[in-house]
Amino acid sequence: MKPGIKEMKIYTYPDPVLKTQAGPVKVIDEELQDLIDDMIHVMYSAPGVGLAANQVGVLKRVIVFDRHPREKGRDPTVLINPEIVLGEDEIKSEEACLSVIDFSAEVVRSSRVKVQGLDRHGNSLDIEAEDLLAICLQHEIDHLDGTLFIDHISSLKRALYKKKLRKMLKET
């Protein structure tokens, strides 16, 4: 582990922190920079393509993501206080989540989005995204609003997952 990187755990469903809305970041300071570095480390270690702060128990509106996390030349992107300002068309895609163990499902989302926020230095950042990146951004911003991808599936599929999860948790 790199110096300065603290060990963080990824909270998993049904932990209440995942259903809690994150508050806006008001100050970009050294503590926030440390959080961002730790989140990037956790995202790559998991491994995942994105991570929201409340997935590691921090209720701040911060997400990190990387379009190519398993390739050389990783290029993590940080968004502070991200907001989807435009969503167009629809795409159905299989989603999974580091916080929803052992489950994936098809979710319908906008196939194109425009997201505004700040980079890790407080500069304005506008991202226009399509397909996989659009899905990733919506998924991570949902986390900040206390919404999981399983909230977008049918109540029957969600109930089946909850039953499966209870059984898995009893076995451990």
N, C-alpha and C. Protein backbone atom coordinates (compact mmCIF):
# COMPACT_ATOMS: atom_id res chain seq x y z
N MET A 1 0.84 -1.18 0.00
CA MET A 1 0.00 0.00 0.00
C MET A 1 0.89 1.24 0.00
N LYS A 2 0.48 2.25 -0.76
CA LYS A 2 1.26 3.48 -0.85
C LYS A 2 1.19 4.24 0.47
N PRO A 3 2.27 4.97 0.80
CA PRO A 3 2.22 5.80 2.01
C PRO A 3 1.08 6.80 1.91
N GLY A 4 0.38 7.01 3.01
CA GLY A 4 -0.71 7.99 3.01
C GLY A 4 -2.05 7.39 2.63
N ILE A 5 -2.04 6.23 1.98
CA ILE A 5 -3.30 5.59 1.60
C ILE A 5 -3.82 4.84 2.81
N LYS A 6 -5.02 5.18 3.24
CA LYS A 6 -5.57 4.45 4.38
C LYS A 6 -6.52 3.38 3.87
N GLU A 7 -6.61 2.34 4.65
CA GLU A 7 -7.47 1.22 4.26
C GLU A 7 -8.93 1.64 4.44
N MET A 8 -9.70 1.49 3.40
CA MET A 8 -11.13 1.80 3.44
C MET A 8 -11.88 0.55 3.08
N LYS A 9 -13.05 0.40 3.66
CA LYS A 9 -13.88 -0.73 3.27
C LYS A 9 -14.98 -0.24 2.34
N ILE A 10 -15.41 -1.10 1.46
CA ILE A 10 -16.56 -0.81 0.61
C ILE A 10 -17.79 -1.33 1.33
N TYR A 11 -18.71 -0.44 1.64
CA TYR A 11 -19.95 -0.82 2.31
C TYR A 11 -20.84 -1.56 1.31
N THR A 12 -21.54 -2.57 1.81
CA THR A 12 -22.39 -3.36 0.93
C THR A 12 -23.84 -3.31 1.39
N TYR A 13 -24.72 -3.51 0.42
CA TYR A 13 -26.15 -3.56 0.68
C TYR A 13 -26.43 -4.66 1.69
N PRO A 14 -27.22 -4.41 2.71
CA PRO A 14 -28.17 -3.32 2.93
C PRO A 14 -27.69 -2.22 3.89
N ASP A 15 -26.40 -1.93 3.97
CA ASP A 15 -25.92 -0.92 4.90
C ASP A 15 -26.64 0.42 4.65
N PRO A 16 -27.16 1.07 5.70
CA PRO A 16 -27.93 2.31 5.53
C PRO A 16 -27.16 3.46 4.88
N VAL A 17 -25.82 3.47 4.99
CA VAL A 17 -25.05 4.57 4.38
C VAL A 17 -25.28 4.62 2.87
N LEU A 18 -25.60 3.47 2.27
CA LEU A 18 -25.81 3.41 0.82
C LEU A 18 -27.15 4.03 0.41
N LYS A 19 -28.06 4.17 1.36
CA LYS A 19 -29.38 4.74 1.07
C LYS A 19 -29.47 6.19 1.55
N THR A 20 -28.32 6.75 1.96
CA THR A 20 -28.28 8.11 2.50
C THR A 20 -27.72 9.05 1.44
N GLN A 21 -28.39 10.19 1.27
CA GLN A 21 -27.92 11.17 0.29
C GLN A 21 -26.67 11.88 0.80
N ALA A 22 -25.68 11.99 -0.07
CA ALA A 22 -24.43 12.67 0.27
C ALA A 22 -24.61 14.18 0.17
N GLY A 23 -23.91 14.90 1.03
CA GLY A 23 -23.99 16.36 1.03
C GLY A 23 -22.94 16.97 0.11
N PRO A 24 -23.19 18.19 -0.34
CA PRO A 24 -22.24 18.85 -1.25
C PRO A 24 -20.91 19.15 -0.57
N VAL A 25 -19.86 19.12 -1.37
CA VAL A 25 -18.53 19.50 -0.89
C VAL A 25 -18.47 21.02 -0.92
N LYS A 26 -18.10 21.60 0.20
CA LYS A 26 -18.02 23.06 0.29
C LYS A 26 -16.58 23.56 0.21
N VAL A 27 -15.62 22.71 0.68
CA VAL A 27 -14.21 23.10 0.72
C VAL A 27 -13.37 22.00 0.10
N ILE A 28 -12.51 22.40 -0.82
CA ILE A 28 -11.57 21.44 -1.40
C ILE A 28 -10.23 21.67 -0.70
N ASP A 29 -9.94 20.75 0.21
CA ASP A 29 -8.74 20.90 1.03
C ASP A 29 -7.91 19.61 0.98
N GLU A 30 -6.87 19.56 1.82
CA GLU A 30 -5.99 18.39 1.84
C GLU A 30 -6.74 17.13 2.26
N GLU A 31 -7.67 17.28 3.19
CA GLU A 31 -8.47 16.13 3.64
C GLU A 31 -9.28 15.54 2.47
N LEU A 32 -9.84 16.41 1.64
CA LEU A 32 -10.60 15.93 0.48
C LEU A 32 -9.65 15.27 -0.53
N GLN A 33 -8.47 15.85 -0.72
CA GLN A 33 -7.50 15.25 -1.65
C GLN A 33 -7.10 13.85 -1.17
N ASP A 34 -6.94 13.68 0.14
CA ASP A 34 -6.62 12.36 0.69
C ASP A 34 -7.77 11.38 0.44
N LEU A 35 -9.00 11.85 0.64
CA LEU A 35 -10.17 11.01 0.38
C LEU A 35 -10.17 10.56 -1.09
N ILE A 36 -9.93 11.50 -1.99
CA ILE A 36 -9.92 11.19 -3.42
C ILE A 36 -8.85 10.14 -3.73
N ASP A 37 -7.64 10.33 -3.22
CA ASP A 37 -6.56 9.36 -3.45
C ASP A 37 -6.93 7.99 -2.91
N ASP A 38 -7.52 7.97 -1.71
CA ASP A 38 -7.93 6.69 -1.11
C ASP A 38 -9.02 6.03 -1.95
N MET A 39 -9.97 6.82 -2.44
CA MET A 39 -11.05 6.25 -3.26
C MET A 39 -10.51 5.67 -4.56
N ILE A 40 -9.58 6.35 -5.18
CA ILE A 40 -8.99 5.84 -6.43
C ILE A 40 -8.28 4.51 -6.16
N HIS A 41 -7.54 4.46 -5.06
CA HIS A 41 -6.85 3.22 -4.68
C HIS A 41 -7.85 2.08 -4.47
N VAL A 42 -8.92 2.35 -3.74
CA VAL A 42 -9.95 1.33 -3.47
C VAL A 42 -10.61 0.89 -4.77
N MET A 43 -10.93 1.85 -5.65
CA MET A 43 -11.58 1.52 -6.92
C MET A 43 -10.72 0.54 -7.72
N TYR A 44 -9.43 0.84 -7.85
CA TYR A 44 -8.55 -0.04 -8.62
C TYR A 44 -8.33 -1.39 -7.93
N SER A 45 -8.28 -1.39 -6.61
CA SER A 45 -8.05 -2.62 -5.87
C SER A 45 -9.24 -3.56 -5.93
N ALA A 46 -10.44 -3.01 -6.07
CA ALA A 46 -11.67 -3.79 -5.95
C ALA A 46 -11.80 -4.96 -6.94
N PRO A 47 -11.57 -4.91 -8.21
CA PRO A 47 -11.42 -3.76 -9.09
C PRO A 47 -12.79 -3.29 -9.60
N GLY A 48 -12.89 -1.98 -9.83
CA GLY A 48 -14.12 -1.41 -10.36
C GLY A 48 -13.80 -0.32 -11.35
N VAL A 49 -14.85 0.19 -12.01
CA VAL A 49 -14.68 1.30 -12.97
C VAL A 49 -15.10 2.62 -12.36
N GLY A 50 -15.78 2.58 -11.21
CA GLY A 50 -16.21 3.80 -10.57
C GLY A 50 -16.48 3.57 -9.10
N LEU A 51 -16.48 4.65 -8.34
CA LEU A 51 -16.74 4.57 -6.91
C LEU A 51 -17.27 5.91 -6.43
N ALA A 52 -18.31 5.85 -5.61
CA ALA A 52 -18.87 7.05 -4.99
C ALA A 52 -18.46 7.09 -3.53
N ALA A 53 -18.31 8.29 -2.97
CA ALA A 53 -17.81 8.43 -1.60
C ALA A 53 -18.67 7.69 -0.59
N ASN A 54 -19.99 7.66 -0.76
CA ASN A 54 -20.78 6.97 0.26
C ASN A 54 -20.59 5.45 0.21
N GLN A 55 -20.01 4.92 -0.86
CA GLN A 55 -19.69 3.49 -0.89
C GLN A 55 -18.56 3.16 0.08
N VAL A 56 -17.78 4.16 0.46
CA VAL A 56 -16.73 3.96 1.46
C VAL A 56 -17.09 4.67 2.77
N GLY A 57 -18.36 4.98 2.94
CA GLY A 57 -18.86 5.51 4.19
C GLY A 57 -18.71 6.99 4.39
N VAL A 58 -18.39 7.74 3.33
CA VAL A 58 -18.21 9.19 3.44
C VAL A 58 -19.34 9.88 2.68
N LEU A 59 -20.12 10.68 3.39
CA LEU A 59 -21.30 11.30 2.77
C LEU A 59 -20.97 12.66 2.17
N LYS A 60 -20.08 12.64 1.18
CA LYS A 60 -19.71 13.83 0.41
C LYS A 60 -19.95 13.52 -1.06
N ARG A 61 -20.33 14.53 -1.82
CA ARG A 61 -20.65 14.34 -3.24
C ARG A 61 -19.35 14.30 -4.07
N VAL A 62 -18.72 13.12 -4.05
CA VAL A 62 -17.47 12.90 -4.77
C VAL A 62 -17.56 11.53 -5.45
N ILE A 63 -17.22 11.49 -6.73
CA ILE A 63 -17.09 10.21 -7.43
C ILE A 63 -15.74 10.17 -8.14
N VAL A 64 -15.25 8.94 -8.31
CA VAL A 64 -14.06 8.71 -9.12
C VAL A 64 -14.41 7.61 -10.12
N PHE A 65 -13.81 7.68 -11.29
CA PHE A 65 -14.06 6.65 -12.29
C PHE A 65 -12.91 6.63 -13.29
N ASP A 66 -12.81 5.52 -14.00
CA ASP A 66 -11.79 5.36 -15.03
C ASP A 66 -12.38 4.48 -16.12
N ARG A 67 -12.37 4.98 -17.33
CA ARG A 67 -12.93 4.22 -18.46
C ARG A 67 -12.14 2.95 -18.75
N HIS A 68 -10.85 2.94 -18.41
CA HIS A 68 -9.97 1.80 -18.71
C HIS A 68 -9.17 1.40 -17.48
N PRO A 69 -9.84 0.95 -16.41
CA PRO A 69 -9.12 0.73 -15.14
C PRO A 69 -8.16 -0.46 -15.14
N ARG A 70 -8.29 -1.34 -16.10
CA ARG A 70 -7.44 -2.53 -16.09
C ARG A 70 -6.31 -2.45 -17.12
N GLU A 71 -6.16 -1.30 -17.74
CA GLU A 71 -5.14 -1.14 -18.78
C GLU A 71 -3.99 -0.30 -18.27
N LYS A 72 -2.87 -0.39 -18.98
CA LYS A 72 -1.75 0.51 -18.67
C LYS A 72 -2.19 1.93 -18.96
N GLY A 73 -1.59 2.87 -18.27
CA GLY A 73 -1.94 4.26 -18.50
C GLY A 73 -3.29 4.63 -17.92
N ARG A 74 -3.58 4.08 -16.76
CA ARG A 74 -4.84 4.42 -16.09
C ARG A 74 -4.99 5.94 -16.02
N ASP A 75 -6.23 6.40 -16.11
CA ASP A 75 -6.49 7.82 -16.11
C ASP A 75 -7.75 8.11 -15.30
N PRO A 76 -7.63 8.09 -13.96
CA PRO A 76 -8.82 8.31 -13.15
C PRO A 76 -9.34 9.74 -13.28
N THR A 77 -10.65 9.85 -13.28
CA THR A 77 -11.31 11.15 -13.32
C THR A 77 -12.04 11.34 -12.00
N VAL A 78 -12.00 12.54 -11.48
CA VAL A 78 -12.66 12.90 -10.23
C VAL A 78 -13.73 13.92 -10.56
N LEU A 79 -14.90 13.73 -9.98
CA LEU A 79 -15.97 14.71 -10.09
C LEU A 79 -16.48 15.04 -8.69
N ILE A 80 -16.44 16.31 -8.36
CA ILE A 80 -16.94 16.80 -7.09
C ILE A 80 -18.25 17.53 -7.37
N ASN A 81 -19.25 17.25 -6.54
CA ASN A 81 -20.59 17.84 -6.70
C ASN A 81 -21.14 17.63 -8.11
N PRO A 82 -21.06 16.39 -8.64
CA PRO A 82 -21.55 16.18 -10.01
C PRO A 82 -23.07 16.28 -10.11
N GLU A 83 -23.50 16.76 -11.26
CA GLU A 83 -24.93 16.91 -11.51
C GLU A 83 -25.20 16.57 -12.97
N ILE A 84 -26.19 15.72 -13.19
CA ILE A 84 -26.61 15.41 -14.56
C ILE A 84 -27.52 16.54 -15.02
N VAL A 85 -27.10 17.25 -16.06
CA VAL A 85 -27.88 18.38 -16.55
C VAL A 85 -28.66 18.04 -17.82
N LEU A 86 -28.32 16.90 -18.44
CA LEU A 86 -29.03 16.49 -19.65
C LEU A 86 -28.91 14.98 -19.80
N GLY A 87 -30.02 14.34 -20.12
CA GLY A 87 -30.02 12.92 -20.41
C GLY A 87 -30.89 12.68 -21.63
N GLU A 88 -30.39 11.90 -22.58
CA GLU A 88 -31.13 11.66 -23.82
C GLU A 88 -31.13 10.19 -24.18
N ASP A 89 -32.16 9.79 -24.88
CA ASP A 89 -32.32 8.44 -25.40
C ASP A 89 -32.23 7.40 -24.29
N GLU A 90 -32.35 6.14 -24.64
CA GLU A 90 -32.31 5.08 -23.64
C GLU A 90 -31.39 3.96 -24.08
N ILE A 91 -30.82 3.31 -23.10
CA ILE A 91 -29.99 2.14 -23.35
C ILE A 91 -30.25 1.16 -22.21
N LYS A 92 -30.34 -0.11 -22.55
CA LYS A 92 -30.50 -1.16 -21.54
C LYS A 92 -29.19 -1.91 -21.48
N SER A 93 -28.66 -2.02 -20.27
CA SER A 93 -27.35 -2.62 -20.11
C SER A 93 -27.28 -3.39 -18.79
N GLU A 94 -26.46 -4.43 -18.78
CA GLU A 94 -26.22 -5.21 -17.58
C GLU A 94 -25.34 -4.40 -16.63
N GLU A 95 -25.80 -4.26 -15.39
CA GLU A 95 -25.02 -3.52 -14.39
C GLU A 95 -24.74 -4.40 -13.19
N ALA A 96 -23.64 -4.11 -12.55
CA ALA A 96 -23.27 -4.72 -11.29
C ALA A 96 -22.70 -3.59 -10.43
N CYS A 97 -22.37 -3.91 -9.19
CA CYS A 97 -21.91 -2.86 -8.29
C CYS A 97 -21.05 -3.46 -7.20
N LEU A 98 -20.00 -2.75 -6.82
CA LEU A 98 -19.12 -3.20 -5.74
C LEU A 98 -19.87 -3.28 -4.42
N SER A 99 -20.96 -2.54 -4.28
CA SER A 99 -21.73 -2.52 -3.04
C SER A 99 -22.92 -3.49 -3.05
N VAL A 100 -23.17 -4.11 -4.18
CA VAL A 100 -24.27 -5.09 -4.29
C VAL A 100 -23.63 -6.41 -4.68
N ILE A 101 -23.36 -7.22 -3.68
CA ILE A 101 -22.55 -8.42 -3.90
C ILE A 101 -23.31 -9.50 -4.67
N ASP A 102 -22.56 -10.12 -5.57
CA ASP A 102 -23.02 -11.32 -6.26
C ASP A 102 -24.35 -11.13 -6.99
N PHE A 103 -24.50 -10.01 -7.70
CA PHE A 103 -25.75 -9.78 -8.43
C PHE A 103 -25.51 -8.78 -9.56
N SER A 104 -26.15 -9.04 -10.68
CA SER A 104 -26.18 -8.08 -11.79
C SER A 104 -27.57 -8.15 -12.41
N ALA A 105 -27.94 -7.09 -13.10
CA ALA A 105 -29.27 -7.04 -13.73
C ALA A 105 -29.26 -5.99 -14.83
N GLU A 106 -30.19 -6.15 -15.77
CA GLU A 106 -30.34 -5.15 -16.82
C GLU A 106 -31.06 -3.94 -16.27
N VAL A 107 -30.51 -2.76 -16.58
CA VAL A 107 -31.07 -1.49 -16.13
C VAL A 107 -31.21 -0.58 -17.34
N VAL A 108 -32.31 0.17 -17.40
CA VAL A 108 -32.51 1.15 -18.46
C VAL A 108 -32.07 2.51 -17.95
N ARG A 109 -31.20 3.15 -18.72
CA ARG A 109 -30.70 4.48 -18.38
C ARG A 109 -30.64 5.33 -19.64
N SER A 110 -30.30 6.60 -19.48
CA SER A 110 -30.07 7.46 -20.64
C SER A 110 -28.79 7.01 -21.33
N SER A 111 -28.83 6.98 -22.66
CA SER A 111 -27.63 6.54 -23.39
C SER A 111 -26.63 7.69 -23.59
N ARG A 112 -27.09 8.92 -23.42
CA ARG A 112 -26.21 10.09 -23.50
C ARG A 112 -26.53 11.02 -22.36
N VAL A 113 -25.49 11.51 -21.71
CA VAL A 113 -25.68 12.46 -20.62
C VAL A 113 -24.65 13.58 -20.70
N LYS A 114 -25.03 14.69 -20.11
CA LYS A 114 -24.09 15.78 -19.88
C LYS A 114 -24.05 15.98 -18.38
N VAL A 115 -22.84 15.95 -17.84
CA VAL A 115 -22.64 16.07 -16.39
C VAL A 115 -21.74 17.26 -16.12
N GLN A 116 -22.11 18.04 -15.10
CA GLN A 116 -21.29 19.17 -14.69
C GLN A 116 -20.85 18.95 -13.25
N GLY A 117 -19.67 19.41 -12.95
CA GLY A 117 -19.14 19.33 -11.59
C GLY A 117 -17.82 20.04 -11.53
N LEU A 118 -17.03 19.68 -10.54
CA LEU A 118 -15.70 20.26 -10.37
C LEU A 118 -14.67 19.14 -10.41
N ASP A 119 -13.47 19.45 -10.90
CA ASP A 119 -12.38 18.48 -10.83
C ASP A 119 -11.77 18.55 -9.43
N ARG A 120 -10.75 17.79 -9.18
CA ARG A 120 -10.18 17.71 -7.82
C ARG A 120 -9.53 19.01 -7.37
N HIS A 121 -9.32 19.96 -8.30
CA HIS A 121 -8.71 21.24 -7.96
C HIS A 121 -9.73 22.37 -7.89
N GLY A 122 -11.01 22.03 -8.09
CA GLY A 122 -12.07 23.03 -8.00
C GLY A 122 -12.40 23.69 -9.32
N ASN A 123 -11.80 23.22 -10.42
CA ASN A 123 -12.11 23.78 -11.73
C ASN A 123 -13.39 23.16 -12.27
N SER A 124 -14.18 23.97 -12.99
CA SER A 124 -15.40 23.45 -13.60
C SER A 124 -15.06 22.36 -14.60
N LEU A 125 -15.89 21.33 -14.62
CA LEU A 125 -15.68 20.21 -15.52
C LEU A 125 -17.03 19.81 -16.11
N ASP A 126 -17.12 19.83 -17.43
CA ASP A 126 -18.31 19.38 -18.14
C ASP A 126 -17.93 18.12 -18.90
N ILE A 127 -18.73 17.07 -18.74
CA ILE A 127 -18.47 15.81 -19.44
C ILE A 127 -19.70 15.45 -20.24
N GLU A 128 -19.50 15.24 -21.53
CA GLU A 128 -20.56 14.69 -22.37
C GLU A 128 -20.19 13.24 -22.62
N ALA A 129 -21.09 12.34 -22.24
CA ALA A 129 -20.76 10.92 -22.28
C ALA A 129 -21.84 10.13 -22.99
N GLU A 130 -21.41 9.03 -23.60
CA GLU A 130 -22.34 8.11 -24.26
C GLU A 130 -22.09 6.70 -23.76
N ASP A 131 -23.10 5.88 -23.92
CA ASP A 131 -23.03 4.44 -23.69
C ASP A 131 -22.42 4.10 -22.33
N LEU A 132 -21.30 3.33 -22.30
CA LEU A 132 -20.76 2.82 -21.04
C LEU A 132 -20.39 3.94 -20.06
N LEU A 133 -19.75 5.00 -20.55
CA LEU A 133 -19.39 6.09 -19.66
C LEU A 133 -20.64 6.79 -19.12
N ALA A 134 -21.65 6.96 -19.95
CA ALA A 134 -22.91 7.56 -19.51
C ALA A 134 -23.56 6.71 -18.42
N ILE A 135 -23.53 5.40 -18.61
CA ILE A 135 -24.10 4.49 -17.62
C ILE A 135 -23.32 4.60 -16.31
N CYS A 136 -21.99 4.60 -16.39
CA CYS A 136 -21.13 4.70 -15.21
C CYS A 136 -21.43 5.98 -14.43
N LEU A 137 -21.51 7.11 -15.12
CA LEU A 137 -21.76 8.38 -14.46
C LEU A 137 -23.12 8.38 -13.75
N GLN A 138 -24.15 7.87 -14.43
CA GLN A 138 -25.47 7.81 -13.82
C GLN A 138 -25.47 6.90 -12.59
N HIS A 139 -24.80 5.76 -12.72
CA HIS A 139 -24.71 4.79 -11.63
C HIS A 139 -24.05 5.42 -10.40
N GLU A 140 -22.92 6.09 -10.60
CA GLU A 140 -22.19 6.67 -9.47
C GLU A 140 -22.92 7.87 -8.87
N ILE A 141 -23.52 8.70 -9.70
CA ILE A 141 -24.28 9.85 -9.19
C ILE A 141 -25.51 9.36 -8.44
N ASP A 142 -26.13 8.27 -8.91
CA ASP A 142 -27.23 7.66 -8.16
C ASP A 142 -26.79 7.33 -6.73
N HIS A 143 -25.58 6.77 -6.59
CA HIS A 143 -25.07 6.45 -5.25
C HIS A 143 -25.11 7.68 -4.35
N LEU A 144 -24.69 8.82 -4.89
CA LEU A 144 -24.64 10.05 -4.09
C LEU A 144 -26.03 10.48 -3.65
N ASP A 145 -27.05 10.04 -4.40
CA ASP A 145 -28.44 10.36 -4.07
C ASP A 145 -29.09 9.27 -3.22
N GLY A 146 -28.30 8.25 -2.82
CA GLY A 146 -28.83 7.17 -2.01
C GLY A 146 -29.62 6.14 -2.80
N THR A 147 -29.33 6.04 -4.09
CA THR A 147 -30.02 5.10 -4.98
C THR A 147 -29.04 4.06 -5.49
N LEU A 148 -29.45 2.81 -5.44
CA LEU A 148 -28.64 1.71 -5.97
C LEU A 148 -29.24 1.23 -7.28
N PHE A 149 -28.44 0.55 -8.10
CA PHE A 149 -28.97 0.08 -9.37
C PHE A 149 -30.13 -0.88 -9.17
N ILE A 150 -30.16 -1.59 -8.04
CA ILE A 150 -31.28 -2.51 -7.80
C ILE A 150 -32.59 -1.76 -7.56
N ASP A 151 -32.51 -0.46 -7.29
CA ASP A 151 -33.72 0.35 -7.16
C ASP A 151 -34.37 0.59 -8.52
N HIS A 152 -33.64 0.30 -9.59
CA HIS A 152 -34.15 0.50 -10.95
C HIS A 152 -34.72 -0.78 -11.56
N ILE A 153 -34.68 -1.89 -10.81
CA ILE A 153 -35.19 -3.15 -11.36
C ILE A 153 -36.57 -3.44 -10.75
N SER A 154 -37.23 -4.45 -11.27
CA SER A 154 -38.58 -4.76 -10.80
C SER A 154 -38.56 -5.17 -9.32
N SER A 155 -39.67 -4.94 -8.64
CA SER A 155 -39.75 -5.30 -7.23
C SER A 155 -39.59 -6.81 -7.04
N LEU A 156 -40.03 -7.61 -8.00
CA LEU A 156 -39.87 -9.06 -7.91
C LEU A 156 -38.39 -9.44 -7.95
N LYS A 157 -37.64 -8.90 -8.92
CA LYS A 157 -36.21 -9.21 -9.01
C LYS A 157 -35.47 -8.73 -7.76
N ARG A 158 -35.87 -7.57 -7.25
CA ARG A 158 -35.24 -7.02 -6.05
C ARG A 158 -35.53 -7.94 -4.85
N ALA A 159 -36.77 -8.40 -4.73
CA ALA A 159 -37.14 -9.30 -3.62
C ALA A 159 -36.37 -10.62 -3.71
N LEU A 160 -36.19 -11.14 -4.93
CA LEU A 160 -35.43 -12.37 -5.11
C LEU A 160 -33.98 -12.17 -4.70
N TYR A 161 -33.42 -11.02 -5.04
CA TYR A 161 -32.04 -10.73 -4.64
C TYR A 161 -31.94 -10.65 -3.12
N LYS A 162 -32.88 -9.94 -2.48
CA LYS A 162 -32.84 -9.80 -1.02
C LYS A 162 -32.90 -11.17 -0.34
N LYS A 163 -33.74 -12.06 -0.88
CA LYS A 163 -33.86 -13.42 -0.32
C LYS A 163 -32.53 -14.17 -0.49
N LYS A 164 -31.93 -14.07 -1.68
CA LYS A 164 -30.64 -14.72 -1.95
C LYS A 164 -29.56 -14.16 -1.01
N LEU A 165 -29.56 -12.84 -0.81
CA LEU A 165 -28.57 -12.20 0.04
C LEU A 165 -28.72 -12.66 1.49
N ARG A 166 -29.96 -12.71 1.99
CA ARG A 166 -30.17 -13.18 3.36
C ARG A 166 -29.62 -14.60 3.54
N LYS A 167 -29.85 -15.43 2.55
CA LYS A 167 -29.35 -16.81 2.61
C LYS A 167 -27.82 -16.83 2.61
N MET A 168 -27.20 -16.00 1.74
CA MET A 168 -25.73 -15.94 1.70
C MET A 168 -25.16 -15.45 3.02
N LEU A 169 -25.78 -14.46 3.62
CA LEU A 169 -25.29 -13.89 4.87
C LEU A 169 -25.43 -14.88 6.03
N LYS A 170 -26.48 -15.70 6.00
CA LYS A 170 -26.66 -16.72 7.04
C LYS A 170 -25.57 -17.78 6.95
N GLU A 171 -25.13 -18.06 5.73
CA GLU A 171 -24.13 -19.11 5.50
C GLU A 171 -22.73 -18.67 5.89
N THR A 172 -22.50 -17.36 6.05
CA THR A 172 -21.15 -16.90 6.38
C THR A 172 -20.96 -16.72 7.86
